[in-house]
Amino acid sequence: MRHLDRWKIKPVRFLEEDNIWEELVSRETGMDLEELFGRTRQEVRGLYHDLIQDLKRVHPNLEQLGQKNLRRIIGEVNYLQGRAREFQKEKEDILHYQFTRVYNRLRPRDKMQERVLNLLPFLMRYGPHLITIMARGLEELEGEHGFLTTAGEWK
């Protein structure tokens, strides 16, 4: 549940919606690196164009040196973009692993928990008062779907 709290997603959304993964990826890693680095390259080229035009008046050889310098800088921007892609991919992979674990716990075999999970392991773990918690929770729920915590709260 800590992942759900951090993502600010209510568990019941896993029963009601199909687009949770897309929303989560967009929110957590949704920076458009192509657009960001494309804009950066364009701005650097624009600044260098103006600089080279001014430097040509100082000495004509500075134009060639400026172009060479620009290629190096664009190469560094490209390198940084590649590293950013790697880190973004790593972050998405971790997020996908966490999301899959949460999803499989909330929707085992892509079905409602009560249709797949056996109550006995939960009774063994939480004791007989779990029945009381569940009964009280069912009264509050009034026919809707939800997730009951061991503290007796519906989420």
N, C-alpha and C. Protein backbone atom coordinates (compact mmCIF):
# COMPACT_ATOMS: atom_id res chain seq x y z
N MET A 1 0.81 -1.20 0.00
CA MET A 1 0.00 0.00 0.00
C MET A 1 0.86 1.27 0.00
N ARG A 2 2.13 1.15 0.38
CA ARG A 2 2.96 2.35 0.41
C ARG A 2 3.12 2.95 -0.99
N HIS A 3 3.17 2.08 -2.01
CA HIS A 3 3.27 2.60 -3.37
C HIS A 3 2.01 3.36 -3.74
N LEU A 4 0.86 2.84 -3.38
CA LEU A 4 -0.39 3.53 -3.67
C LEU A 4 -0.44 4.88 -2.98
N ASP A 5 0.02 4.93 -1.74
CA ASP A 5 0.05 6.20 -1.02
C ASP A 5 0.98 7.19 -1.71
N ARG A 6 2.16 6.72 -2.10
CA ARG A 6 3.11 7.60 -2.76
C ARG A 6 2.58 8.07 -4.12
N TRP A 7 1.91 7.19 -4.84
CA TRP A 7 1.36 7.56 -6.15
C TRP A 7 0.06 8.32 -6.04
N LYS A 8 -0.52 8.36 -4.84
CA LYS A 8 -1.81 9.01 -4.60
C LYS A 8 -2.91 8.39 -5.47
N ILE A 9 -2.95 7.06 -5.45
CA ILE A 9 -3.96 6.30 -6.19
C ILE A 9 -4.76 5.47 -5.19
N LYS A 10 -6.06 5.58 -5.25
CA LYS A 10 -6.92 4.78 -4.38
C LYS A 10 -7.04 3.37 -4.96
N PRO A 11 -6.99 2.34 -4.11
CA PRO A 11 -7.05 0.96 -4.61
C PRO A 11 -8.30 0.65 -5.43
N VAL A 12 -9.41 1.28 -5.09
CA VAL A 12 -10.66 0.99 -5.80
C VAL A 12 -10.57 1.36 -7.29
N ARG A 13 -9.66 2.25 -7.65
CA ARG A 13 -9.50 2.61 -9.06
C ARG A 13 -9.05 1.41 -9.89
N PHE A 14 -8.38 0.44 -9.25
CA PHE A 14 -7.96 -0.76 -9.97
C PHE A 14 -9.15 -1.61 -10.38
N LEU A 15 -10.27 -1.41 -9.73
CA LEU A 15 -11.49 -2.12 -10.09
C LEU A 15 -12.29 -1.38 -11.15
N GLU A 16 -12.14 -0.07 -11.19
CA GLU A 16 -13.01 0.76 -12.02
C GLU A 16 -12.38 1.26 -13.31
N GLU A 17 -11.05 1.35 -13.37
CA GLU A 17 -10.40 2.01 -14.50
C GLU A 17 -9.36 1.12 -15.15
N ASP A 18 -9.13 1.36 -16.42
CA ASP A 18 -8.13 0.58 -17.16
C ASP A 18 -6.87 1.39 -17.49
N ASN A 19 -6.92 2.69 -17.38
CA ASN A 19 -5.81 3.53 -17.84
C ASN A 19 -4.89 3.99 -16.71
N ILE A 20 -4.87 3.28 -15.61
CA ILE A 20 -4.07 3.71 -14.46
C ILE A 20 -2.58 3.71 -14.81
N TRP A 21 -2.13 2.68 -15.52
CA TRP A 21 -0.70 2.58 -15.85
C TRP A 21 -0.25 3.76 -16.71
N GLU A 22 -1.01 4.11 -17.72
CA GLU A 22 -0.63 5.21 -18.59
C GLU A 22 -0.57 6.52 -17.82
N GLU A 23 -1.54 6.73 -16.96
CA GLU A 23 -1.56 7.95 -16.13
C GLU A 23 -0.35 8.00 -15.20
N LEU A 24 -0.03 6.86 -14.58
CA LEU A 24 1.09 6.80 -13.65
C LEU A 24 2.42 7.06 -14.35
N VAL A 25 2.63 6.43 -15.49
CA VAL A 25 3.88 6.64 -16.23
C VAL A 25 4.01 8.09 -16.65
N SER A 26 2.93 8.65 -17.13
CA SER A 26 2.94 10.05 -17.55
C SER A 26 3.29 10.97 -16.39
N ARG A 27 2.71 10.68 -15.23
CA ARG A 27 2.94 11.53 -14.07
C ARG A 27 4.34 11.35 -13.48
N GLU A 28 4.81 10.10 -13.42
CA GLU A 28 6.07 9.81 -12.75
C GLU A 28 7.30 10.00 -13.64
N THR A 29 7.19 9.69 -14.92
CA THR A 29 8.36 9.77 -15.80
C THR A 29 8.03 10.48 -17.10
N GLY A 30 6.96 11.22 -17.13
CA GLY A 30 6.41 11.74 -18.36
C GLY A 30 7.14 12.87 -19.04
N MET A 31 8.37 13.16 -18.65
CA MET A 31 9.09 14.22 -19.31
C MET A 31 9.41 13.80 -20.75
N ASP A 32 9.12 14.66 -21.70
CA ASP A 32 9.40 14.38 -23.10
C ASP A 32 10.84 14.79 -23.41
N LEU A 33 11.74 13.81 -23.32
CA LEU A 33 13.16 14.09 -23.51
C LEU A 33 13.47 14.55 -24.93
N GLU A 34 12.78 13.99 -25.92
CA GLU A 34 13.03 14.38 -27.31
C GLU A 34 12.75 15.87 -27.51
N GLU A 35 11.62 16.32 -26.98
CA GLU A 35 11.25 17.73 -27.13
C GLU A 35 12.22 18.61 -26.35
N LEU A 36 12.55 18.21 -25.13
CA LEU A 36 13.43 19.00 -24.27
C LEU A 36 14.82 19.17 -24.91
N PHE A 37 15.41 18.06 -25.36
CA PHE A 37 16.75 18.15 -25.93
C PHE A 37 16.73 18.75 -27.34
N GLY A 38 15.66 18.53 -28.08
CA GLY A 38 15.53 19.18 -29.38
C GLY A 38 15.52 20.69 -29.25
N ARG A 39 14.77 21.16 -28.26
CA ARG A 39 14.70 22.61 -28.01
C ARG A 39 16.06 23.14 -27.57
N THR A 40 16.75 22.36 -26.73
CA THR A 40 18.07 22.78 -26.24
C THR A 40 19.06 22.88 -27.41
N ARG A 41 19.09 21.86 -28.29
CA ARG A 41 19.99 21.91 -29.45
C ARG A 41 19.68 23.11 -30.33
N GLN A 42 18.39 23.38 -30.54
CA GLN A 42 17.99 24.50 -31.37
C GLN A 42 18.46 25.83 -30.76
N GLU A 43 18.31 25.97 -29.46
CA GLU A 43 18.73 27.21 -28.80
C GLU A 43 20.25 27.38 -28.84
N VAL A 44 20.98 26.27 -28.61
CA VAL A 44 22.45 26.35 -28.67
C VAL A 44 22.90 26.73 -30.07
N ARG A 45 22.31 26.10 -31.08
CA ARG A 45 22.68 26.44 -32.47
C ARG A 45 22.39 27.92 -32.77
N GLY A 46 21.25 28.41 -32.30
CA GLY A 46 20.91 29.82 -32.51
C GLY A 46 21.90 30.75 -31.83
N LEU A 47 22.24 30.45 -30.60
CA LEU A 47 23.21 31.28 -29.88
C LEU A 47 24.59 31.24 -30.56
N TYR A 48 25.00 30.05 -30.96
CA TYR A 48 26.30 29.91 -31.62
C TYR A 48 26.32 30.59 -32.98
N HIS A 49 25.22 30.55 -33.69
CA HIS A 49 25.16 31.23 -34.99
C HIS A 49 25.44 32.72 -34.81
N ASP A 50 24.78 33.31 -33.82
CA ASP A 50 25.00 34.74 -33.56
C ASP A 50 26.43 35.00 -33.11
N LEU A 51 26.96 34.13 -32.25
CA LEU A 51 28.33 34.29 -31.76
C LEU A 51 29.33 34.19 -32.91
N ILE A 52 29.15 33.19 -33.77
CA ILE A 52 30.08 32.99 -34.89
C ILE A 52 30.03 34.18 -35.84
N GLN A 53 28.84 34.72 -36.08
CA GLN A 53 28.73 35.89 -36.96
C GLN A 53 29.52 37.06 -36.39
N ASP A 54 29.46 37.24 -35.08
CA ASP A 54 30.23 38.33 -34.45
C ASP A 54 31.73 38.04 -34.49
N LEU A 55 32.10 36.76 -34.26
CA LEU A 55 33.52 36.41 -34.24
C LEU A 55 34.18 36.51 -35.61
N LYS A 56 33.41 36.32 -36.68
CA LYS A 56 33.96 36.45 -38.04
C LYS A 56 34.54 37.84 -38.27
N ARG A 57 33.99 38.83 -37.60
CA ARG A 57 34.49 40.20 -37.76
C ARG A 57 35.83 40.38 -37.06
N VAL A 58 36.06 39.53 -36.02
CA VAL A 58 37.35 39.61 -35.33
C VAL A 58 38.43 38.98 -36.22
N HIS A 59 38.13 37.74 -36.70
CA HIS A 59 39.07 37.06 -37.60
C HIS A 59 38.31 35.98 -38.36
N PRO A 60 38.51 35.84 -39.65
CA PRO A 60 37.76 34.86 -40.45
C PRO A 60 37.96 33.41 -40.01
N ASN A 61 39.12 33.07 -39.44
CA ASN A 61 39.38 31.70 -39.01
C ASN A 61 38.52 31.29 -37.80
N LEU A 62 37.99 32.25 -37.10
CA LEU A 62 37.17 31.93 -35.92
C LEU A 62 35.84 31.30 -36.31
N GLU A 63 35.41 31.51 -37.56
CA GLU A 63 34.16 30.87 -38.00
C GLU A 63 34.31 29.35 -38.00
N GLN A 64 35.39 28.85 -38.58
CA GLN A 64 35.63 27.40 -38.64
C GLN A 64 35.81 26.83 -37.23
N LEU A 65 36.55 27.54 -36.39
CA LEU A 65 36.76 27.09 -35.01
C LEU A 65 35.44 27.08 -34.25
N GLY A 66 34.61 28.08 -34.47
CA GLY A 66 33.31 28.14 -33.83
C GLY A 66 32.40 26.99 -34.25
N GLN A 67 32.41 26.64 -35.55
CA GLN A 67 31.61 25.52 -36.04
C GLN A 67 32.07 24.21 -35.41
N LYS A 68 33.39 24.04 -35.31
CA LYS A 68 33.95 22.84 -34.69
C LYS A 68 33.54 22.76 -33.21
N ASN A 69 33.60 23.88 -32.54
CA ASN A 69 33.22 23.95 -31.13
C ASN A 69 31.74 23.64 -30.96
N LEU A 70 30.91 24.13 -31.87
CA LEU A 70 29.47 23.86 -31.82
C LEU A 70 29.20 22.36 -31.96
N ARG A 71 29.90 21.70 -32.89
CA ARG A 71 29.72 20.25 -33.06
C ARG A 71 30.06 19.50 -31.76
N ARG A 72 31.09 19.93 -31.07
CA ARG A 72 31.45 19.30 -29.79
C ARG A 72 30.34 19.49 -28.76
N ILE A 73 29.84 20.69 -28.68
CA ILE A 73 28.79 20.98 -27.69
C ILE A 73 27.52 20.18 -28.02
N ILE A 74 27.14 20.12 -29.28
CA ILE A 74 25.96 19.33 -29.68
C ILE A 74 26.21 17.85 -29.37
N GLY A 75 27.43 17.39 -29.57
CA GLY A 75 27.78 16.01 -29.20
C GLY A 75 27.59 15.76 -27.72
N GLU A 76 27.96 16.72 -26.89
CA GLU A 76 27.78 16.59 -25.44
C GLU A 76 26.29 16.60 -25.06
N VAL A 77 25.53 17.44 -25.75
CA VAL A 77 24.07 17.47 -25.51
C VAL A 77 23.47 16.11 -25.90
N ASN A 78 23.92 15.55 -27.01
CA ASN A 78 23.44 14.23 -27.45
C ASN A 78 23.82 13.14 -26.44
N TYR A 79 25.03 13.22 -25.91
CA TYR A 79 25.47 12.25 -24.90
C TYR A 79 24.59 12.35 -23.66
N LEU A 80 24.32 13.58 -23.21
CA LEU A 80 23.47 13.79 -22.04
C LEU A 80 22.06 13.26 -22.29
N GLN A 81 21.56 13.43 -23.49
CA GLN A 81 20.23 12.92 -23.83
C GLN A 81 20.22 11.39 -23.75
N GLY A 82 21.26 10.76 -24.25
CA GLY A 82 21.35 9.30 -24.18
C GLY A 82 21.36 8.80 -22.74
N ARG A 83 22.12 9.46 -21.90
CA ARG A 83 22.16 9.08 -20.47
C ARG A 83 20.80 9.32 -19.82
N ALA A 84 20.14 10.42 -20.16
CA ALA A 84 18.82 10.71 -19.60
C ALA A 84 17.82 9.65 -20.02
N ARG A 85 17.91 9.19 -21.29
CA ARG A 85 17.04 8.11 -21.76
C ARG A 85 17.25 6.84 -20.94
N GLU A 86 18.52 6.51 -20.67
CA GLU A 86 18.83 5.32 -19.89
C GLU A 86 18.22 5.41 -18.49
N PHE A 87 18.38 6.55 -17.84
CA PHE A 87 17.83 6.72 -16.49
C PHE A 87 16.31 6.71 -16.51
N GLN A 88 15.71 7.32 -17.54
CA GLN A 88 14.26 7.32 -17.65
C GLN A 88 13.74 5.90 -17.85
N LYS A 89 14.42 5.13 -18.68
CA LYS A 89 14.03 3.74 -18.93
C LYS A 89 14.16 2.92 -17.64
N GLU A 90 15.23 3.13 -16.90
CA GLU A 90 15.42 2.42 -15.63
C GLU A 90 14.30 2.77 -14.65
N LYS A 91 13.94 4.04 -14.59
CA LYS A 91 12.87 4.48 -13.71
C LYS A 91 11.54 3.85 -14.13
N GLU A 92 11.28 3.79 -15.43
CA GLU A 92 10.05 3.17 -15.92
C GLU A 92 10.02 1.68 -15.61
N ASP A 93 11.17 1.01 -15.73
CA ASP A 93 11.24 -0.42 -15.42
C ASP A 93 10.93 -0.69 -13.95
N ILE A 94 11.49 0.12 -13.07
CA ILE A 94 11.22 -0.02 -11.64
C ILE A 94 9.75 0.26 -11.36
N LEU A 95 9.22 1.32 -11.96
CA LEU A 95 7.82 1.67 -11.78
C LEU A 95 6.91 0.55 -12.29
N HIS A 96 7.26 -0.05 -13.41
CA HIS A 96 6.46 -1.15 -13.97
C HIS A 96 6.48 -2.35 -13.04
N TYR A 97 7.64 -2.67 -12.48
CA TYR A 97 7.74 -3.78 -11.53
C TYR A 97 6.85 -3.52 -10.31
N GLN A 98 6.94 -2.30 -9.74
CA GLN A 98 6.13 -1.96 -8.57
C GLN A 98 4.64 -1.99 -8.91
N PHE A 99 4.28 -1.42 -10.05
CA PHE A 99 2.88 -1.38 -10.46
C PHE A 99 2.34 -2.80 -10.65
N THR A 100 3.11 -3.66 -11.28
CA THR A 100 2.68 -5.03 -11.51
C THR A 100 2.45 -5.76 -10.21
N ARG A 101 3.35 -5.57 -9.24
CA ARG A 101 3.17 -6.21 -7.93
C ARG A 101 1.91 -5.71 -7.24
N VAL A 102 1.68 -4.41 -7.27
CA VAL A 102 0.48 -3.85 -6.64
C VAL A 102 -0.76 -4.37 -7.36
N TYR A 103 -0.73 -4.32 -8.68
CA TYR A 103 -1.89 -4.76 -9.46
C TYR A 103 -2.21 -6.24 -9.18
N ASN A 104 -1.19 -7.07 -9.17
CA ASN A 104 -1.41 -8.50 -8.94
C ASN A 104 -1.92 -8.80 -7.53
N ARG A 105 -1.59 -7.94 -6.59
CA ARG A 105 -2.13 -8.13 -5.23
C ARG A 105 -3.57 -7.66 -5.14
N LEU A 106 -3.89 -6.59 -5.84
CA LEU A 106 -5.24 -6.07 -5.79
C LEU A 106 -6.18 -6.82 -6.73
N ARG A 107 -5.65 -7.31 -7.84
CA ARG A 107 -6.45 -8.02 -8.85
C ARG A 107 -5.75 -9.33 -9.22
N PRO A 108 -5.68 -10.29 -8.29
CA PRO A 108 -4.99 -11.55 -8.62
C PRO A 108 -5.64 -12.23 -9.82
N ARG A 109 -4.81 -12.65 -10.75
CA ARG A 109 -5.27 -13.28 -11.99
C ARG A 109 -6.29 -12.40 -12.72
N ASP A 110 -6.20 -11.10 -12.49
CA ASP A 110 -7.08 -10.10 -13.12
C ASP A 110 -8.55 -10.31 -12.74
N LYS A 111 -8.77 -10.79 -11.53
CA LYS A 111 -10.13 -11.01 -11.03
C LYS A 111 -10.26 -10.36 -9.66
N MET A 112 -11.48 -10.34 -9.15
CA MET A 112 -11.71 -9.83 -7.80
C MET A 112 -11.00 -10.74 -6.79
N GLN A 113 -10.45 -10.13 -5.76
CA GLN A 113 -9.70 -10.90 -4.75
C GLN A 113 -10.54 -12.02 -4.15
N GLU A 114 -11.78 -11.72 -3.81
CA GLU A 114 -12.62 -12.71 -3.12
C GLU A 114 -12.92 -13.92 -4.00
N ARG A 115 -12.69 -13.79 -5.31
CA ARG A 115 -12.95 -14.92 -6.21
C ARG A 115 -11.71 -15.78 -6.43
N VAL A 116 -10.57 -15.31 -5.93
CA VAL A 116 -9.33 -16.03 -6.16
C VAL A 116 -8.66 -16.44 -4.84
N LEU A 117 -8.63 -15.51 -3.90
CA LEU A 117 -7.89 -15.74 -2.66
C LEU A 117 -8.72 -16.50 -1.64
N ASN A 118 -8.04 -17.34 -0.89
CA ASN A 118 -8.68 -18.12 0.18
C ASN A 118 -8.61 -17.32 1.48
N LEU A 119 -9.66 -17.32 2.24
CA LEU A 119 -9.74 -16.56 3.48
C LEU A 119 -8.87 -17.16 4.60
N LEU A 120 -8.62 -18.46 4.57
CA LEU A 120 -7.90 -19.12 5.67
C LEU A 120 -6.51 -18.54 5.95
N PRO A 121 -5.67 -18.29 4.97
CA PRO A 121 -4.36 -17.69 5.29
C PRO A 121 -4.48 -16.33 5.98
N PHE A 122 -5.48 -15.57 5.62
CA PHE A 122 -5.68 -14.27 6.26
C PHE A 122 -6.16 -14.44 7.70
N LEU A 123 -7.03 -15.41 7.92
CA LEU A 123 -7.47 -15.70 9.30
C LEU A 123 -6.30 -16.16 10.15
N MET A 124 -5.42 -16.98 9.58
CA MET A 124 -4.25 -17.44 10.33
C MET A 124 -3.33 -16.27 10.66
N ARG A 125 -3.19 -15.35 9.74
CA ARG A 125 -2.27 -14.23 9.94
C ARG A 125 -2.84 -13.16 10.89
N TYR A 126 -4.12 -12.81 10.72
CA TYR A 126 -4.69 -11.69 11.46
C TYR A 126 -5.60 -12.13 12.60
N GLY A 127 -5.90 -13.40 12.68
CA GLY A 127 -6.72 -13.90 13.79
C GLY A 127 -8.20 -13.79 13.52
N PRO A 128 -9.00 -14.34 14.45
CA PRO A 128 -10.45 -14.39 14.25
C PRO A 128 -11.13 -13.02 14.25
N HIS A 129 -10.49 -12.01 14.82
CA HIS A 129 -11.13 -10.68 14.81
C HIS A 129 -11.24 -10.12 13.39
N LEU A 130 -10.56 -10.74 12.42
CA LEU A 130 -10.68 -10.32 11.03
C LEU A 130 -12.13 -10.46 10.54
N ILE A 131 -12.82 -11.50 11.01
CA ILE A 131 -14.23 -11.70 10.62
C ILE A 131 -15.07 -10.52 11.10
N THR A 132 -14.82 -10.06 12.33
CA THR A 132 -15.55 -8.92 12.88
C THR A 132 -15.27 -7.66 12.06
N ILE A 133 -14.02 -7.46 11.73
CA ILE A 133 -13.64 -6.30 10.92
C ILE A 133 -14.34 -6.35 9.57
N MET A 134 -14.34 -7.53 8.96
CA MET A 134 -14.96 -7.67 7.65
C MET A 134 -16.47 -7.44 7.71
N ALA A 135 -17.10 -7.97 8.75
CA ALA A 135 -18.56 -7.81 8.89
C ALA A 135 -18.91 -6.34 9.07
N ARG A 136 -18.17 -5.66 9.93
CA ARG A 136 -18.42 -4.23 10.15
C ARG A 136 -18.18 -3.45 8.86
N GLY A 137 -17.12 -3.81 8.14
CA GLY A 137 -16.80 -3.14 6.89
C GLY A 137 -17.85 -3.36 5.82
N LEU A 138 -18.41 -4.56 5.76
CA LEU A 138 -19.44 -4.85 4.77
C LEU A 138 -20.69 -4.03 5.01
N GLU A 139 -21.00 -3.77 6.28
CA GLU A 139 -22.17 -2.93 6.60
C GLU A 139 -21.95 -1.51 6.07
N GLU A 140 -20.73 -1.00 6.22
CA GLU A 140 -20.42 0.35 5.75
C GLU A 140 -20.41 0.44 4.23
N LEU A 141 -20.00 -0.62 3.57
CA LEU A 141 -19.81 -0.60 2.13
C LEU A 141 -21.12 -0.52 1.35
N GLU A 142 -22.16 -1.15 1.86
CA GLU A 142 -23.49 -1.11 1.28
C GLU A 142 -23.51 -1.49 -0.21
N GLY A 143 -22.95 -2.62 -0.56
CA GLY A 143 -23.05 -3.14 -1.91
C GLY A 143 -22.04 -2.63 -2.91
N GLU A 144 -21.20 -1.69 -2.54
CA GLU A 144 -20.17 -1.18 -3.44
C GLU A 144 -18.91 -2.05 -3.32
N HIS A 145 -18.02 -1.91 -4.28
CA HIS A 145 -16.74 -2.61 -4.21
C HIS A 145 -15.73 -1.72 -3.51
N GLY A 146 -14.78 -2.35 -2.85
CA GLY A 146 -13.71 -1.61 -2.19
C GLY A 146 -12.71 -2.57 -1.61
N PHE A 147 -11.70 -2.00 -0.95
CA PHE A 147 -10.66 -2.80 -0.32
C PHE A 147 -10.66 -2.49 1.17
N LEU A 148 -10.73 -3.55 1.95
CA LEU A 148 -10.76 -3.44 3.40
C LEU A 148 -9.37 -3.66 3.96
N THR A 149 -8.88 -2.71 4.76
CA THR A 149 -7.56 -2.88 5.39
C THR A 149 -7.74 -3.67 6.68
N THR A 150 -6.64 -4.15 7.22
CA THR A 150 -6.71 -4.90 8.48
C THR A 150 -7.10 -3.98 9.64
N ALA A 151 -7.02 -2.69 9.43
CA ALA A 151 -7.47 -1.73 10.45
C ALA A 151 -8.98 -1.51 10.36
N GLY A 152 -9.62 -2.15 9.39
CA GLY A 152 -11.06 -2.03 9.23
C GLY A 152 -11.49 -0.84 8.43
N GLU A 153 -10.57 -0.24 7.67
CA GLU A 153 -10.90 0.92 6.87
C GLU A 153 -11.10 0.51 5.42
N TRP A 154 -12.08 1.13 4.78
CA TRP A 154 -12.31 0.89 3.35
C TRP A 154 -11.52 1.89 2.56
N LYS A 155 -10.86 1.42 1.56
CA LYS A 155 -10.07 2.31 0.68
C LYS A 155 -10.57 2.17 -0.72
